[in-house]
């Protein structure tokens, strides 16, 4: 997904606050490392007017979901800058954001242990 032959998105000549357009970071609970993002369908025309950094993000997430941390890694942009770009893109209706599953909604450990024990009993592990 990452093209090493493309231009460097950031350099000493392009400060990060310019990329973020002076916007502040979104709230801590928004765009966590594990938050999943993907491009909305039919947004390719609107995406043409994005900055090169935002366009790189759109190109990455066009084919499916990626976590915020993965987007940061592929684009080599700091996590905070990626969070700001994603917040702006969400406001513009260009991306779909799926928040991570909360700890209270995750599977019950006792239930998983019981299922594993049942499988071991049934299939002899």
C-alpha atoms as a PDB file:
ATOM      1  CA  UNK A   1       0.000   0.000   0.000  1.00  0.00           C
ATOM      2  CA  UNK A   2       2.936   2.323   0.435  1.00  0.00           C
ATOM      3  CA  UNK A   3       4.759   3.583  -2.603  1.00  0.00           C
ATOM      4  CA  UNK A   4       8.399   4.291  -1.726  1.00  0.00           C
ATOM      5  CA  UNK A   5       8.956   6.016  -5.077  1.00  0.00           C
ATOM      6  CA  UNK A   6       6.473   8.824  -4.299  1.00  0.00           C
ATOM      7  CA  UNK A   7       7.431  12.261  -3.002  1.00  0.00           C
ATOM      8  CA  UNK A   8       8.230  12.782   0.653  1.00  0.00           C
ATOM      9  CA  UNK A   9       5.077  14.054   2.351  1.00  0.00           C
ATOM     10  CA  UNK A  10       6.875  15.918   5.088  1.00  0.00           C
ATOM     11  CA  UNK A  11      10.208  17.636   5.140  1.00  0.00           C
ATOM     12  CA  UNK A  12      11.973  20.379   7.015  1.00  0.00           C
ATOM     13  CA  UNK A  13      10.355  22.814   4.571  1.00  0.00           C
ATOM     14  CA  UNK A  14       6.785  21.752   5.438  1.00  0.00           C
ATOM     15  CA  UNK A  15       6.136  22.129   9.170  1.00  0.00           C
ATOM     16  CA  UNK A  16       3.547  19.768  10.631  1.00  0.00           C
ATOM     17  CA  UNK A  17       1.260  22.604  11.723  1.00  0.00           C
ATOM     18  CA  UNK A  18       0.939  23.603   8.059  1.00  0.00           C
ATOM     19  CA  UNK A  19      -0.210  20.079   7.186  1.00  0.00           C
ATOM     20  CA  UNK A  20      -2.713  20.202  10.057  1.00  0.00           C
ATOM     21  CA  UNK A  21      -3.812  23.711   8.960  1.00  0.00           C
ATOM     22  CA  UNK A  22      -3.460  24.944  12.535  1.00  0.00           C
ATOM     23  CA  UNK A  23      -6.265  22.697  13.816  1.00  0.00           C
ATOM     24  CA  UNK A  24      -6.131  21.315  17.340  1.00  0.00           C
ATOM     25  CA  UNK A  25      -6.110  17.637  18.180  1.00  0.00           C
ATOM     26  CA  UNK A  26      -9.533  16.012  18.537  1.00  0.00           C
ATOM     27  CA  UNK A  27     -10.588  14.738  21.968  1.00  0.00           C
ATOM     28  CA  UNK A  28      -8.543  11.841  23.355  1.00  0.00           C
ATOM     29  CA  UNK A  29     -11.374   9.353  22.933  1.00  0.00           C
ATOM     30  CA  UNK A  30     -11.684  10.179  19.223  1.00  0.00           C
ATOM     31  CA  UNK A  31      -9.421   8.449  16.739  1.00  0.00           C
ATOM     32  CA  UNK A  32      -7.629   6.110  19.117  1.00  0.00           C
ATOM     33  CA  UNK A  33      -4.827   3.927  17.746  1.00  0.00           C
ATOM     34  CA  UNK A  34      -7.294   1.121  17.026  1.00  0.00           C
ATOM     35  CA  UNK A  35     -10.079   3.228  15.511  1.00  0.00           C
ATOM     36  CA  UNK A  36     -10.828   1.963  12.002  1.00  0.00           C
ATOM     37  CA  UNK A  37     -11.344   4.314   9.067  1.00  0.00           C
ATOM     38  CA  UNK A  38     -12.305   3.837   5.422  1.00  0.00           C
ATOM     39  CA  UNK A  39     -13.290   6.087   2.550  1.00  0.00           C
ATOM     40  CA  UNK A  40     -16.984   6.751   1.950  1.00  0.00           C
ATOM     41  CA  UNK A  41     -18.283   5.558  -1.393  1.00  0.00           C
ATOM     42  CA  UNK A  42     -18.618   8.190  -4.089  1.00  0.00           C
ATOM     43  CA  UNK A  43     -16.201  10.700  -2.566  1.00  0.00           C
ATOM     44  CA  UNK A  44     -13.500  10.498  -5.220  1.00  0.00           C
ATOM     45  CA  UNK A  45     -14.498  13.827  -6.823  1.00  0.00           C
ATOM     46  CA  UNK A  46     -14.393  15.690  -3.497  1.00  0.00           C
ATOM     47  CA  UNK A  47     -11.121  13.990  -2.568  1.00  0.00           C
ATOM     48  CA  UNK A  48      -9.336  15.589  -5.535  1.00  0.00           C
ATOM     49  CA  UNK A  49      -9.282  18.944  -3.741  1.00  0.00           C
ATOM     50  CA  UNK A  50      -7.510  17.570  -0.656  1.00  0.00           C
ATOM     51  CA  UNK A  51      -3.978  18.383   0.408  1.00  0.00           C
ATOM     52  CA  UNK A  52      -1.311  15.891  -0.708  1.00  0.00           C
ATOM     53  CA  UNK A  53      -1.182  14.397   2.798  1.00  0.00           C
ATOM     54  CA  UNK A  54      -4.953  13.971   3.029  1.00  0.00           C
ATOM     55  CA  UNK A  55      -4.981  12.540  -0.496  1.00  0.00           C
ATOM     56  CA  UNK A  56      -2.352   9.990   0.560  1.00  0.00           C
ATOM     57  CA  UNK A  57      -4.591   8.984   3.466  1.00  0.00           C
ATOM     58  CA  UNK A  58      -7.601   8.652   1.140  1.00  0.00           C
ATOM     59  CA  UNK A  59      -5.581   6.484  -1.246  1.00  0.00           C
ATOM     60  CA  UNK A  60      -4.650   4.177   1.628  1.00  0.00           C
ATOM     61  CA  UNK A  61      -8.155   3.749   3.000  1.00  0.00           C
ATOM     62  CA  UNK A  62      -9.979   3.606  -0.331  1.00  0.00           C
ATOM     63  CA  UNK A  63      -9.893  -0.199  -0.487  1.00  0.00           C
ATOM     64  CA  UNK A  64     -10.937  -1.013   3.073  1.00  0.00           C
ATOM     65  CA  UNK A  65     -10.536  -0.334   6.748  1.00  0.00           C
ATOM     66  CA  UNK A  66      -7.219   0.608   8.319  1.00  0.00           C
ATOM     67  CA  UNK A  67      -6.530   1.583  11.905  1.00  0.00           C
ATOM     68  CA  UNK A  68      -5.377   5.100  12.728  1.00  0.00           C
ATOM     69  CA  UNK A  69      -1.996   3.657  13.760  1.00  0.00           C
ATOM     70  CA  UNK A  70      -1.635   1.890  10.396  1.00  0.00           C
ATOM     71  CA  UNK A  71      -2.461   5.081   8.512  1.00  0.00           C
ATOM     72  CA  UNK A  72       0.181   6.893  10.541  1.00  0.00           C
ATOM     73  CA  UNK A  73       2.731   4.173   9.817  1.00  0.00           C
ATOM     74  CA  UNK A  74       2.085   3.992   6.081  1.00  0.00           C
ATOM     75  CA  UNK A  75       2.105   7.763   5.581  1.00  0.00           C
ATOM     76  CA  UNK A  76       5.002   8.318   7.989  1.00  0.00           C
ATOM     77  CA  UNK A  77       3.073  11.187   9.536  1.00  0.00           C
ATOM     78  CA  UNK A  78       2.894  11.645  13.314  1.00  0.00           C
ATOM     79  CA  UNK A  79      -0.180  10.126  14.931  1.00  0.00           C
ATOM     80  CA  UNK A  80      -1.457  13.531  16.045  1.00  0.00           C
ATOM     81  CA  UNK A  81      -1.333  14.924  12.515  1.00  0.00           C
ATOM     82  CA  UNK A  82      -3.145  11.860  11.172  1.00  0.00           C
ATOM     83  CA  UNK A  83      -5.838  12.263  13.836  1.00  0.00           C
ATOM     84  CA  UNK A  84      -6.323  15.902  12.823  1.00  0.00           C
ATOM     85  CA  UNK A  85      -6.525  15.026   9.121  1.00  0.00           C
ATOM     86  CA  UNK A  86      -9.026  12.250   9.819  1.00  0.00           C
ATOM     87  CA  UNK A  87     -11.181  14.544  11.960  1.00  0.00           C
ATOM     88  CA  UNK A  88     -11.345  17.091   9.143  1.00  0.00           C
ATOM     89  CA  UNK A  89     -12.084  14.408   6.571  1.00  0.00           C
ATOM     90  CA  UNK A  90     -14.872  13.001   8.764  1.00  0.00           C
ATOM     91  CA  UNK A  91     -16.385  16.481   9.122  1.00  0.00           C
ATOM     92  CA  UNK A  92     -16.334  16.786   5.329  1.00  0.00           C
ATOM     93  CA  UNK A  93     -18.095  13.413   4.983  1.00  0.00           C
ATOM     94  CA  UNK A  94     -15.216  11.772   3.140  1.00  0.00           C
ATOM     95  CA  UNK A  95     -14.535   8.905   5.531  1.00  0.00           C
ATOM     96  CA  UNK A  96     -16.422   6.406   7.657  1.00  0.00           C
ATOM     97  CA  UNK A  97     -15.103   5.947  11.194  1.00  0.00           C
ATOM     98  CA  UNK A  98     -15.655   2.786  13.221  1.00  0.00           C
ATOM     99  CA  UNK A  99     -14.695   3.209  16.848  1.00  0.00           C
ATOM    100  CA  UNK A 100     -12.895   0.362  18.594  1.00  0.00           C
ATOM    101  CA  UNK A 101     -14.948  -2.074  20.626  1.00  0.00           C
ATOM    102  CA  UNK A 102     -15.139  -0.945  24.240  1.00  0.00           C
ATOM    103  CA  UNK A 103     -13.703  -3.243  26.895  1.00  0.00           C
ATOM    104  CA  UNK A 104     -17.143  -3.804  28.416  1.00  0.00           C
ATOM    105  CA  UNK A 105     -18.437  -5.075  25.060  1.00  0.00           C
ATOM    106  CA  UNK A 106     -15.672  -7.603  24.495  1.00  0.00           C
ATOM    107  CA  UNK A 107     -16.269 -11.299  24.895  1.00  0.00           C
ATOM    108  CA  UNK A 108     -16.589 -12.714  28.392  1.00  0.00           C
ATOM    109  CA  UNK A 109     -13.366 -14.483  29.388  1.00  0.00           C
ATOM    110  CA  UNK A 110     -15.235 -17.158  31.387  1.00  0.00           C
ATOM    111  CA  UNK A 111     -17.397 -17.949  28.373  1.00  0.00           C
ATOM    112  CA  UNK A 112     -14.367 -18.273  26.109  1.00  0.00           C
ATOM    113  CA  UNK A 113     -12.645 -20.541  28.640  1.00  0.00           C
ATOM    114  CA  UNK A 114     -15.758 -22.749  28.817  1.00  0.00           C
ATOM    115  CA  UNK A 115     -15.911 -23.001  25.021  1.00  0.00           C
ATOM    116  CA  UNK A 116     -12.210 -23.872  24.846  1.00  0.00           C
ATOM    117  CA  UNK A 117     -12.629 -26.538  27.525  1.00  0.00           C
ATOM    118  CA  UNK A 118     -15.608 -27.982  25.622  1.00  0.00           C
ATOM    119  CA  UNK A 119     -13.602 -28.127  22.420  1.00  0.00           C
ATOM    120  CA  UNK A 120     -10.717 -29.843  24.184  1.00  0.00           C
ATOM    121  CA  UNK A 121     -13.110 -32.395  25.676  1.00  0.00           C
ATOM    122  CA  UNK A 122     -14.846 -32.999  22.343  1.00  0.00           C
ATOM    123  CA  UNK A 123     -11.769 -33.222  20.161  1.00  0.00           C
ATOM    124  CA  UNK A 124      -9.151 -34.277  22.713  1.00  0.00           C
ATOM    125  CA  UNK A 125      -6.381 -31.725  22.763  1.00  0.00           C
END
